[in-house]
Amino acid sequence: MSHYYVHNGYSGWSYGTPSNPQLISPEDAARLMKSAGLSSMQVSTTLPPAQYAEAGTRLFDVTGGNRFLFFGDYTECFDVDAGKVSSPLIIDWTAV
């Protein structure tokens, strides 16, 4: 089943595969997409990655040090942490 995930990069030897994904709510994903001008088509593909933030920005920080958004199944990702894909990240939008 597909969900929205944020992540900060790709597996080095398999470029194009999201790595270490963090589940986020559909509402937070919509907000990230709107703020970055991303379409649902862009976040549904792995290449090019759908970037919503730059490293070191507040948005990067409040989303757990991530900068890319992906809509798909976590089984398509590398370095999956069961805790990060089973519970959505709580984003503090007041800190942005």
PDB file of N, CA and C in Angstrom:
ATOM      1  N   MET A   1       0.835  -1.181   0.000  1.00  0.00           N
ATOM      2  CA  MET A   1       0.000   0.000   0.000  1.00  0.00           C
ATOM      3  C   MET A   1       0.885   1.251   0.000  1.00  0.00           C
ATOM      4  N   SER A   2       0.532   2.216  -0.786  1.00  0.00           N
ATOM      5  CA  SER A   2       1.332   3.436  -0.919  1.00  0.00           C
ATOM      6  C   SER A   2       0.998   4.465   0.153  1.00  0.00           C
ATOM      7  N   HIS A   3       2.035   5.122   0.614  1.00  0.00           N
ATOM      8  CA  HIS A   3       1.943   6.195   1.599  1.00  0.00           C
ATOM      9  C   HIS A   3       2.977   7.252   1.235  1.00  0.00           C
ATOM     10  N   TYR A   4       2.935   8.369   1.954  1.00  0.00           N
ATOM     11  CA  TYR A   4       3.919   9.430   1.760  1.00  0.00           C
ATOM     12  C   TYR A   4       5.060   9.255   2.759  1.00  0.00           C
ATOM     13  N   TYR A   5       6.281   9.426   2.244  1.00  0.00           N
ATOM     14  CA  TYR A   5       7.484   9.317   3.062  1.00  0.00           C
ATOM     15  C   TYR A   5       8.419  10.475   2.735  1.00  0.00           C
ATOM     16  N   VAL A   6       9.127  10.944   3.748  1.00  0.00           N
ATOM     17  CA  VAL A   6      10.220  11.876   3.521  1.00  0.00           C
ATOM     18  C   VAL A   6      11.511  11.091   3.699  1.00  0.00           C
ATOM     19  N   HIS A   7      12.551  11.535   3.012  1.00  0.00           N
ATOM     20  CA  HIS A   7      13.857  10.885   3.140  1.00  0.00           C
ATOM     21  C   HIS A   7      14.921  11.894   2.744  1.00  0.00           C
ATOM     22  N   ASN A   8      16.172  11.552   3.033  1.00  0.00           N
ATOM     23  CA  ASN A   8      17.246  12.508   2.773  1.00  0.00           C
ATOM     24  C   ASN A   8      18.264  12.008   1.771  1.00  0.00           C
ATOM     25  N   GLY A   9      17.911  11.088   0.967  1.00  0.00           N
ATOM     26  CA  GLY A   9      18.890  10.675  -0.027  1.00  0.00           C
ATOM     27  C   GLY A   9      18.591   9.326  -0.616  1.00  0.00           C
ATOM     28  N   TYR A  10      19.542   8.863  -1.318  1.00  0.00           N
ATOM     29  CA  TYR A  10      19.396   7.623  -2.052  1.00  0.00           C
ATOM     30  C   TYR A  10      20.490   6.663  -1.655  1.00  0.00           C
ATOM     31  N   SER A  11      20.195   5.388  -1.789  1.00  0.00           N
ATOM     32  CA  SER A  11      21.180   4.356  -1.519  1.00  0.00           C
ATOM     33  C   SER A  11      22.319   4.511  -2.523  1.00  0.00           C
ATOM     34  N   GLY A  12      23.525   4.610  -2.036  1.00  0.00           N
ATOM     35  CA  GLY A  12      24.678   4.925  -2.877  1.00  0.00           C
ATOM     36  C   GLY A  12      24.872   4.044  -4.091  1.00  0.00           C
ATOM     37  N   TRP A  13      24.701   2.753  -3.951  1.00  0.00           N
ATOM     38  CA  TRP A  13      24.962   1.863  -5.090  1.00  0.00           C
ATOM     39  C   TRP A  13      23.732   1.643  -5.949  1.00  0.00           C
ATOM     40  N   SER A  14      22.610   2.144  -5.535  1.00  0.00           N
ATOM     41  CA  SER A  14      21.377   1.974  -6.307  1.00  0.00           C
ATOM     42  C   SER A  14      20.687   3.319  -6.454  1.00  0.00           C
ATOM     43  N   TYR A  15      21.300   4.220  -7.194  1.00  0.00           N
ATOM     44  CA  TYR A  15      20.751   5.561  -7.348  1.00  0.00           C
ATOM     45  C   TYR A  15      19.325   5.481  -7.873  1.00  0.00           C
ATOM     46  N   GLY A  16      18.456   6.219  -7.236  1.00  0.00           N
ATOM     47  CA  GLY A  16      17.056   6.221  -7.620  1.00  0.00           C
ATOM     48  C   GLY A  16      16.173   5.525  -6.612  1.00  0.00           C
ATOM     49  N   THR A  17      16.781   4.885  -5.621  1.00  0.00           N
ATOM     50  CA  THR A  17      15.998   4.195  -4.604  1.00  0.00           C
ATOM     51  C   THR A  17      16.035   4.988  -3.304  1.00  0.00           C
ATOM     52  N   PRO A  18      14.883   5.472  -2.830  1.00  0.00           N
ATOM     53  CA  PRO A  18      14.861   6.205  -1.561  1.00  0.00           C
ATOM     54  C   PRO A  18      15.405   5.344  -0.425  1.00  0.00           C
ATOM     55  N   SER A  19      16.094   5.974   0.498  1.00  0.00           N
ATOM     56  CA  SER A  19      16.722   5.274   1.605  1.00  0.00           C
ATOM     57  C   SER A  19      16.292   5.877   2.937  1.00  0.00           C
ATOM     58  N   ASN A  20      16.092   5.004   3.937  1.00  0.00           N
ATOM     59  CA  ASN A  20      15.731   5.412   5.296  1.00  0.00           C
ATOM     60  C   ASN A  20      14.484   6.302   5.317  1.00  0.00           C
ATOM     61  N   PRO A  21      13.363   5.818   4.776  1.00  0.00           N
ATOM     62  CA  PRO A  21      12.148   6.637   4.700  1.00  0.00           C
ATOM     63  C   PRO A  21      11.478   6.853   6.058  1.00  0.00           C
ATOM     64  N   GLN A  22      10.798   7.988   6.185  1.00  0.00           N
ATOM     65  CA  GLN A  22      10.008   8.327   7.370  1.00  0.00           C
ATOM     66  C   GLN A  22       8.583   8.608   6.921  1.00  0.00           C
ATOM     67  N   LEU A  23       7.634   7.859   7.452  1.00  0.00           N
ATOM     68  CA  LEU A  23       6.219   8.044   7.135  1.00  0.00           C
ATOM     69  C   LEU A  23       5.755   9.430   7.577  1.00  0.00           C
ATOM     70  N   ILE A  24       4.935  10.081   6.740  1.00  0.00           N
ATOM     71  CA  ILE A  24       4.278  11.331   7.126  1.00  0.00           C
ATOM     72  C   ILE A  24       2.803  11.237   6.744  1.00  0.00           C
ATOM     73  N   SER A  25       1.993  12.093   7.328  1.00  0.00           N
ATOM     74  CA  SER A  25       0.557  12.080   7.053  1.00  0.00           C
ATOM     75  C   SER A  25       0.273  12.649   5.663  1.00  0.00           C
ATOM     76  N   PRO A  26      -0.852  12.258   5.061  1.00  0.00           N
ATOM     77  CA  PRO A  26      -1.234  12.836   3.768  1.00  0.00           C
ATOM     78  C   PRO A  26      -1.399  14.359   3.846  1.00  0.00           C
ATOM     79  N   GLU A  27      -1.872  14.853   4.978  1.00  0.00           N
ATOM     80  CA  GLU A  27      -2.049  16.296   5.148  1.00  0.00           C
ATOM     81  C   GLU A  27      -0.700  17.024   5.146  1.00  0.00           C
ATOM     82  N   ASP A  28       0.279  16.449   5.844  1.00  0.00           N
ATOM     83  CA  ASP A  28       1.612  17.054   5.850  1.00  0.00           C
ATOM     84  C   ASP A  28       2.253  16.957   4.472  1.00  0.00           C
ATOM     85  N   ALA A  29       2.039  15.843   3.790  1.00  0.00           N
ATOM     86  CA  ALA A  29       2.574  15.687   2.430  1.00  0.00           C
ATOM     87  C   ALA A  29       1.984  16.749   1.507  1.00  0.00           C
ATOM     88  N   ALA A  30       0.678  16.985   1.621  1.00  0.00           N
ATOM     89  CA  ALA A  30       0.028  18.000   0.783  1.00  0.00           C
ATOM     90  C   ALA A  30       0.611  19.378   1.065  1.00  0.00           C
ATOM     91  N   ARG A  31       0.888  19.650   2.313  1.00  0.00           N
ATOM     92  CA  ARG A  31       1.462  20.943   2.679  1.00  0.00           C
ATOM     93  C   ARG A  31       2.886  21.092   2.124  1.00  0.00           C
ATOM     94  N   LEU A  32       3.677  20.026   2.205  1.00  0.00           N
ATOM     95  CA  LEU A  32       5.027  20.056   1.639  1.00  0.00           C
ATOM     96  C   LEU A  32       4.975  20.231   0.128  1.00  0.00           C
ATOM     97  N   MET A  33       4.069  19.509  -0.520  1.00  0.00           N
ATOM     98  CA  MET A  33       3.934  19.601  -1.973  1.00  0.00           C
ATOM     99  C   MET A  33       3.547  21.016  -2.388  1.00  0.00           C
ATOM    100  N   LYS A  34       2.609  21.600  -1.661  1.00  0.00           N
ATOM    101  CA  LYS A  34       2.169  22.954  -1.990  1.00  0.00           C
ATOM    102  C   LYS A  34       3.302  23.958  -1.798  1.00  0.00           C
ATOM    103  N   SER A  35       4.017  23.849  -0.689  1.00  0.00           N
ATOM    104  CA  SER A  35       5.084  24.818  -0.412  1.00  0.00           C
ATOM    105  C   SER A  35       6.231  24.714  -1.418  1.00  0.00           C
ATOM    106  N   ALA A  36       6.461  23.517  -1.965  1.00  0.00           N
ATOM    107  CA  ALA A  36       7.562  23.318  -2.917  1.00  0.00           C
ATOM    108  C   ALA A  36       7.105  23.337  -4.369  1.00  0.00           C
ATOM    109  N   GLY A  37       5.786  23.433  -4.587  1.00  0.00           N
ATOM    110  CA  GLY A  37       5.274  23.426  -5.952  1.00  0.00           C
ATOM    111  C   GLY A  37       5.420  22.078  -6.635  1.00  0.00           C
ATOM    112  N   LEU A  38       5.286  21.006  -5.866  1.00  0.00           N
ATOM    113  CA  LEU A  38       5.426  19.654  -6.406  1.00  0.00           C
ATOM    114  C   LEU A  38       4.067  19.065  -6.762  1.00  0.00           C
ATOM    115  N   SER A  39       4.030  18.278  -7.814  1.00  0.00           N
ATOM    116  CA  SER A  39       2.797  17.599  -8.221  1.00  0.00           C
ATOM    117  C   SER A  39       2.786  16.174  -7.676  1.00  0.00           C
ATOM    118  N   SER A  40       1.611  15.565  -7.678  1.00  0.00           N
ATOM    119  CA  SER A  40       1.511  14.174  -7.233  1.00  0.00           C
ATOM    120  C   SER A  40       2.316  13.256  -8.146  1.00  0.00           C
ATOM    121  N   MET A  41       2.419  13.604  -9.420  1.00  0.00           N
ATOM    122  CA  MET A  41       3.225  12.809 -10.351  1.00  0.00           C
ATOM    123  C   MET A  41       4.707  12.877  -9.973  1.00  0.00           C
ATOM    124  N   GLN A  42       5.174  14.057  -9.596  1.00  0.00           N
ATOM    125  CA  GLN A  42       6.585  14.210  -9.236  1.00  0.00           C
ATOM    126  C   GLN A  42       6.960  13.390  -8.008  1.00  0.00           C
ATOM    127  N   VAL A  43       6.089  13.335  -7.016  1.00  0.00           N
ATOM    128  CA  VAL A  43       6.428  12.593  -5.800  1.00  0.00           C
ATOM    129  C   VAL A  43       6.191  11.097  -5.953  1.00  0.00           C
ATOM    130  N   SER A  44       5.537  10.691  -7.019  1.00  0.00           N
ATOM    131  CA  SER A  44       5.285   9.269  -7.265  1.00  0.00           C
ATOM    132  C   SER A  44       6.410   8.594  -8.042  1.00  0.00           C
ATOM    133  N   THR A  45       7.389   9.370  -8.489  1.00  0.00           N
ATOM    134  CA  THR A  45       8.526   8.798  -9.197  1.00  0.00           C
ATOM    135  C   THR A  45       9.792   9.015  -8.373  1.00  0.00           C
ATOM    136  N   THR A  46      10.763   8.144  -8.556  1.00  0.00           N
ATOM    137  CA  THR A  46      11.987   8.277  -7.768  1.00  0.00           C
ATOM    138  C   THR A  46      13.036   9.147  -8.447  1.00  0.00           C
ATOM    139  N   LEU A  47      12.991   9.246  -9.762  1.00  0.00           N
ATOM    140  CA  LEU A  47      13.950  10.076 -10.501  1.00  0.00           C
ATOM    141  C   LEU A  47      13.232  11.063 -11.388  1.00  0.00           C
ATOM    142  N   PRO A  48      13.512  12.308 -11.339  1.00  0.00           N
ATOM    143  CA  PRO A  48      14.377  12.912 -10.339  1.00  0.00           C
ATOM    144  C   PRO A  48      13.667  12.952  -8.988  1.00  0.00           C
ATOM    145  N   PRO A  49      14.408  13.032  -7.901  1.00  0.00           N
ATOM    146  CA  PRO A  49      13.770  13.066  -6.585  1.00  0.00           C
ATOM    147  C   PRO A  49      12.963  14.349  -6.400  1.00  0.00           C
ATOM    148  N   ALA A  50      11.860  14.247  -5.694  1.00  0.00           N
ATOM    149  CA  ALA A  50      10.983  15.397  -5.439  1.00  0.00           C
ATOM    150  C   ALA A  50      11.496  16.131  -4.203  1.00  0.00           C
ATOM    151  N   GLN A  51      12.273  17.164  -4.427  1.00  0.00           N
ATOM    152  CA  GLN A  51      12.900  17.900  -3.333  1.00  0.00           C
ATOM    153  C   GLN A  51      11.999  19.031  -2.857  1.00  0.00           C
ATOM    154  N   TYR A  52      11.772  19.083  -1.532  1.00  0.00           N
ATOM    155  CA  TYR A  52      10.946  20.136  -0.948  1.00  0.00           C
ATOM    156  C   TYR A  52      11.748  21.080  -0.059  1.00  0.00           C
ATOM    157  N   ALA A  53      12.983  20.723   0.280  1.00  0.00           N
ATOM    158  CA  ALA A  53      13.793  21.567   1.171  1.00  0.00           C
ATOM    159  C   ALA A  53      15.270  21.406   0.846  1.00  0.00           C
ATOM    160  N   GLU A  54      16.033  22.384   1.263  1.00  0.00           N
ATOM    161  CA  GLU A  54      17.498  22.321   1.168  1.00  0.00           C
ATOM    162  C   GLU A  54      18.043  21.922   2.536  1.00  0.00           C
ATOM    163  N   ALA A  55      19.144  21.213   2.544  1.00  0.00           N
ATOM    164  CA  ALA A  55      19.795  20.848   3.804  1.00  0.00           C
ATOM    165  C   ALA A  55      20.116  22.110   4.593  1.00  0.00           C
ATOM    166  N   GLY A  56      19.834  22.060   5.895  1.00  0.00           N
ATOM    167  CA  GLY A  56      20.133  23.192   6.763  1.00  0.00           C
ATOM    168  C   GLY A  56      19.018  24.205   6.926  1.00  0.00           C
ATOM    169  N   THR A  57      17.921  24.077   6.169  1.00  0.00           N
ATOM    170  CA  THR A  57      16.800  25.011   6.312  1.00  0.00           C
ATOM    171  C   THR A  57      15.884  24.556   7.444  1.00  0.00           C
ATOM    172  N   ARG A  58      15.000  25.436   7.891  1.00  0.00           N
ATOM    173  CA  ARG A  58      14.053  25.083   8.964  1.00  0.00           C
ATOM    174  C   ARG A  58      13.158  23.925   8.535  1.00  0.00           C
ATOM    175  N   LEU A  59      12.697  23.941   7.296  1.00  0.00           N
ATOM    176  CA  LEU A  59      11.831  22.865   6.815  1.00  0.00           C
ATOM    177  C   LEU A  59      12.572  21.529   6.824  1.00  0.00           C
ATOM    178  N   PHE A  60      13.827  21.543   6.469  1.00  0.00           N
ATOM    179  CA  PHE A  60      14.683  20.358   6.538  1.00  0.00           C
ATOM    180  C   PHE A  60      14.747  19.859   7.983  1.00  0.00           C
ATOM    181  N   ASP A  61      14.955  20.781   8.917  1.00  0.00           N
ATOM    182  CA  ASP A  61      15.081  20.415  10.327  1.00  0.00           C
ATOM    183  C   ASP A  61      13.788  19.853  10.910  1.00  0.00           C
ATOM    184  N   VAL A  62      12.648  20.510  10.654  1.00  0.00           N
ATOM    185  CA  VAL A  62      11.390  20.053  11.268  1.00  0.00           C
ATOM    186  C   VAL A  62      10.847  18.773  10.638  1.00  0.00           C
ATOM    187  N   THR A  63      11.401  18.378   9.507  1.00  0.00           N
ATOM    188  CA  THR A  63      10.982  17.107   8.899  1.00  0.00           C
ATOM    189  C   THR A  63      12.022  16.018   9.147  1.00  0.00           C
ATOM    190  N   GLY A  64      12.753  16.167  10.238  1.00  0.00           N
ATOM    191  CA  GLY A  64      13.667  15.112  10.654  1.00  0.00           C
ATOM    192  C   GLY A  64      14.971  15.044   9.885  1.00  0.00           C
ATOM    193  N   GLY A  65      15.397  16.166   9.309  1.00  0.00           N
ATOM    194  CA  GLY A  65      16.633  16.170   8.533  1.00  0.00           C
ATOM    195  C   GLY A  65      16.461  15.525   7.172  1.00  0.00           C
ATOM    196  N   ASN A  66      15.288  15.706   6.611  1.00  0.00           N
ATOM    197  CA  ASN A  66      14.973  15.146   5.294  1.00  0.00           C
ATOM    198  C   ASN A  66      14.702  16.268   4.303  1.00  0.00           C
ATOM    199  N   ARG A  67      14.809  15.942   3.012  1.00  0.00           N
ATOM    200  CA  ARG A  67      14.576  16.971   1.992  1.00  0.00           C
ATOM    201  C   ARG A  67      13.827  16.486   0.765  1.00  0.00           C
ATOM    202  N   PHE A  68      13.538  15.191   0.689  1.00  0.00           N
ATOM    203  CA  PHE A  68      12.817  14.641  -0.457  1.00  0.00           C
ATOM    204  C   PHE A  68      11.494  14.023  -0.009  1.00  0.00           C
ATOM    205  N   LEU A  69      10.503  14.057  -0.888  1.00  0.00           N
ATOM    206  CA  LEU A  69       9.186  13.479  -0.631  1.00  0.00           C
ATOM    207  C   LEU A  69       8.939  12.369  -1.644  1.00  0.00           C
ATOM    208  N   PHE A  70       8.393  11.261  -1.172  1.00  0.00           N
ATOM    209  CA  PHE A  70       8.151  10.096  -2.015  1.00  0.00           C
ATOM    210  C   PHE A  70       6.788   9.509  -1.684  1.00  0.00           C
ATOM    211  N   PHE A  71       5.993   9.195  -2.712  1.00  0.00           N
ATOM    212  CA  PHE A  71       4.724   8.501  -2.525  1.00  0.00           C
ATOM    213  C   PHE A  71       4.876   7.117  -3.131  1.00  0.00           C
ATOM    214  N   GLY A  72       4.799   6.124  -2.286  1.00  0.00           N
ATOM    215  CA  GLY A  72       4.948   4.751  -2.748  1.00  0.00           C
ATOM    216  C   GLY A  72       4.906   3.809  -1.564  1.00  0.00           C
ATOM    217  N   ASP A  73       5.461   2.639  -1.754  1.00  0.00           N
ATOM    218  CA  ASP A  73       5.486   1.617  -0.716  1.00  0.00           C
ATOM    219  C   ASP A  73       6.889   1.553  -0.119  1.00  0.00           C
ATOM    220  N   TYR A  74       6.974   1.428   1.192  1.00  0.00           N
ATOM    221  CA  TYR A  74       8.293   1.405   1.825  1.00  0.00           C
ATOM    222  C   TYR A  74       9.135   0.216   1.374  1.00  0.00           C
ATOM    223  N   THR A  75       8.504  -0.815   0.817  1.00  0.00           N
ATOM    224  CA  THR A  75       9.277  -1.959   0.328  1.00  0.00           C
ATOM    225  C   THR A  75      10.099  -1.595  -0.907  1.00  0.00           C
ATOM    226  N   GLU A  76       9.834  -0.427  -1.493  1.00  0.00           N
ATOM    227  CA  GLU A  76      10.623   0.061  -2.629  1.00  0.00           C
ATOM    228  C   GLU A  76      11.879   0.799  -2.163  1.00  0.00           C
ATOM    229  N   CYS A  77      12.056   0.924  -0.851  1.00  0.00           N
ATOM    230  CA  CYS A  77      13.147   1.706  -0.276  1.00  0.00           C
ATOM    231  C   CYS A  77      14.216   0.800   0.336  1.00  0.00           C
ATOM    232  N   PHE A  78      15.404   1.384   0.544  1.00  0.00           N
ATOM    233  CA  PHE A  78      16.483   0.714   1.256  1.00  0.00           C
ATOM    234  C   PHE A  78      16.573   1.263   2.669  1.00  0.00           C
ATOM    235  N   ASP A  79      17.262   0.531   3.534  1.00  0.00           N
ATOM    236  CA  ASP A  79      17.528   0.956   4.911  1.00  0.00           C
ATOM    237  C   ASP A  79      16.246   1.344   5.638  1.00  0.00           C
ATOM    238  N   VAL A  80      15.266   0.459   5.604  1.00  0.00           N
ATOM    239  CA  VAL A  80      13.968   0.726   6.227  1.00  0.00           C
ATOM    240  C   VAL A  80      14.045   0.446   7.724  1.00  0.00           C
ATOM    241  N   ASP A  81      13.622   1.413   8.522  1.00  0.00           N
ATOM    242  CA  ASP A  81      13.512   1.289   9.972  1.00  0.00           C
ATOM    243  C   ASP A  81      12.031   1.083  10.266  1.00  0.00           C
ATOM    244  N   ALA A  82      11.681  -0.065  10.824  1.00  0.00           N
ATOM    245  CA  ALA A  82      10.273  -0.410  11.058  1.00  0.00           C
ATOM    246  C   ALA A  82       9.541   0.659  11.866  1.00  0.00           C
ATOM    247  N   GLY A  83      10.204   1.274  12.822  1.00  0.00           N
ATOM    248  CA  GLY A  83       9.572   2.313  13.629  1.00  0.00           C
ATOM    249  C   GLY A  83       9.249   3.566  12.835  1.00  0.00           C
ATOM    250  N   LYS A  84      10.087   3.893  11.856  1.00  0.00           N
ATOM    251  CA  LYS A  84       9.888   5.104  11.065  1.00  0.00           C
ATOM    252  C   LYS A  84       8.810   4.946   9.994  1.00  0.00           C
ATOM    253  N   VAL A  85       8.527   3.716   9.581  1.00  0.00           N
ATOM    254  CA  VAL A  85       7.500   3.517   8.553  1.00  0.00           C
ATOM    255  C   VAL A  85       6.159   3.098   9.144  1.00  0.00           C
ATOM    256  N   SER A  86       6.126   2.873  10.452  1.00  0.00           N
ATOM    257  CA  SER A  86       4.867   2.462  11.078  1.00  0.00           C
ATOM    258  C   SER A  86       4.153   3.603  11.797  1.00  0.00           C
ATOM    259  N   SER A  87       4.863   4.677  12.076  1.00  0.00           N
ATOM    260  CA  SER A  87       4.276   5.807  12.797  1.00  0.00           C
ATOM    261  C   SER A  87       4.689   7.107  12.113  1.00  0.00           C
ATOM    262  N   PRO A  88       3.708   7.947  11.750  1.00  0.00           N
ATOM    263  CA  PRO A  88       4.061   9.174  11.027  1.00  0.00           C
ATOM    264  C   PRO A  88       4.817  10.186  11.890  1.00  0.00           C
ATOM    265  N   LEU A  89       5.722  10.883  11.247  1.00  0.00           N
ATOM    266  CA  LEU A  89       6.456  11.971  11.869  1.00  0.00           C
ATOM    267  C   LEU A  89       5.480  13.090  12.217  1.00  0.00           C
ATOM    268  N   ILE A  90       5.619  13.645  13.393  1.00  0.00           N
ATOM    269  CA  ILE A  90       4.815  14.799  13.799  1.00  0.00           C
ATOM    270  C   ILE A  90       5.615  16.052  13.434  1.00  0.00           C
ATOM    271  N   ILE A  91       5.109  16.805  12.473  1.00  0.00           N
ATOM    272  CA  ILE A  91       5.797  18.008  12.018  1.00  0.00           C
ATOM    273  C   ILE A  91       5.256  19.218  12.774  1.00  0.00           C
ATOM    274  N   ASP A  92       6.149  19.966  13.393  1.00  0.00           N
ATOM    275  CA  ASP A  92       5.773  21.180  14.120  1.00  0.00           C
ATOM    276  C   ASP A  92       5.779  22.351  13.136  1.00  0.00           C
ATOM    277  N   TRP A  93       4.635  22.599  12.522  1.00  0.00           N
ATOM    278  CA  TRP A  93       4.537  23.646  11.501  1.00  0.00           C
ATOM    279  C   TRP A  93       4.716  25.045  12.081  1.00  0.00           C
ATOM    280  N   THR A  94       4.549  25.205  13.391  1.00  0.00           N
ATOM    281  CA  THR A  94       4.752  26.525  13.994  1.00  0.00           C
ATOM    282  C   THR A  94       6.232  26.901  14.013  1.00  0.00           C
ATOM    283  N   ALA A  95       7.109  25.910  13.864  1.00  0.00           N
ATOM    284  CA  ALA A  95       8.551  26.160  13.887  1.00  0.00           C
ATOM    285  C   ALA A  95       9.113  26.515  12.513  1.00  0.00           C
ATOM    286  N   VAL A  96       8.261  26.464  11.497  1.00  0.00           N
ATOM    287  CA  VAL A  96       8.737  26.741  10.129  1.00  0.00           C
ATOM    288  C   VAL A  96       8.623  28.219   9.832  1.00  0.00           C
TER     289      VAL A  96
END
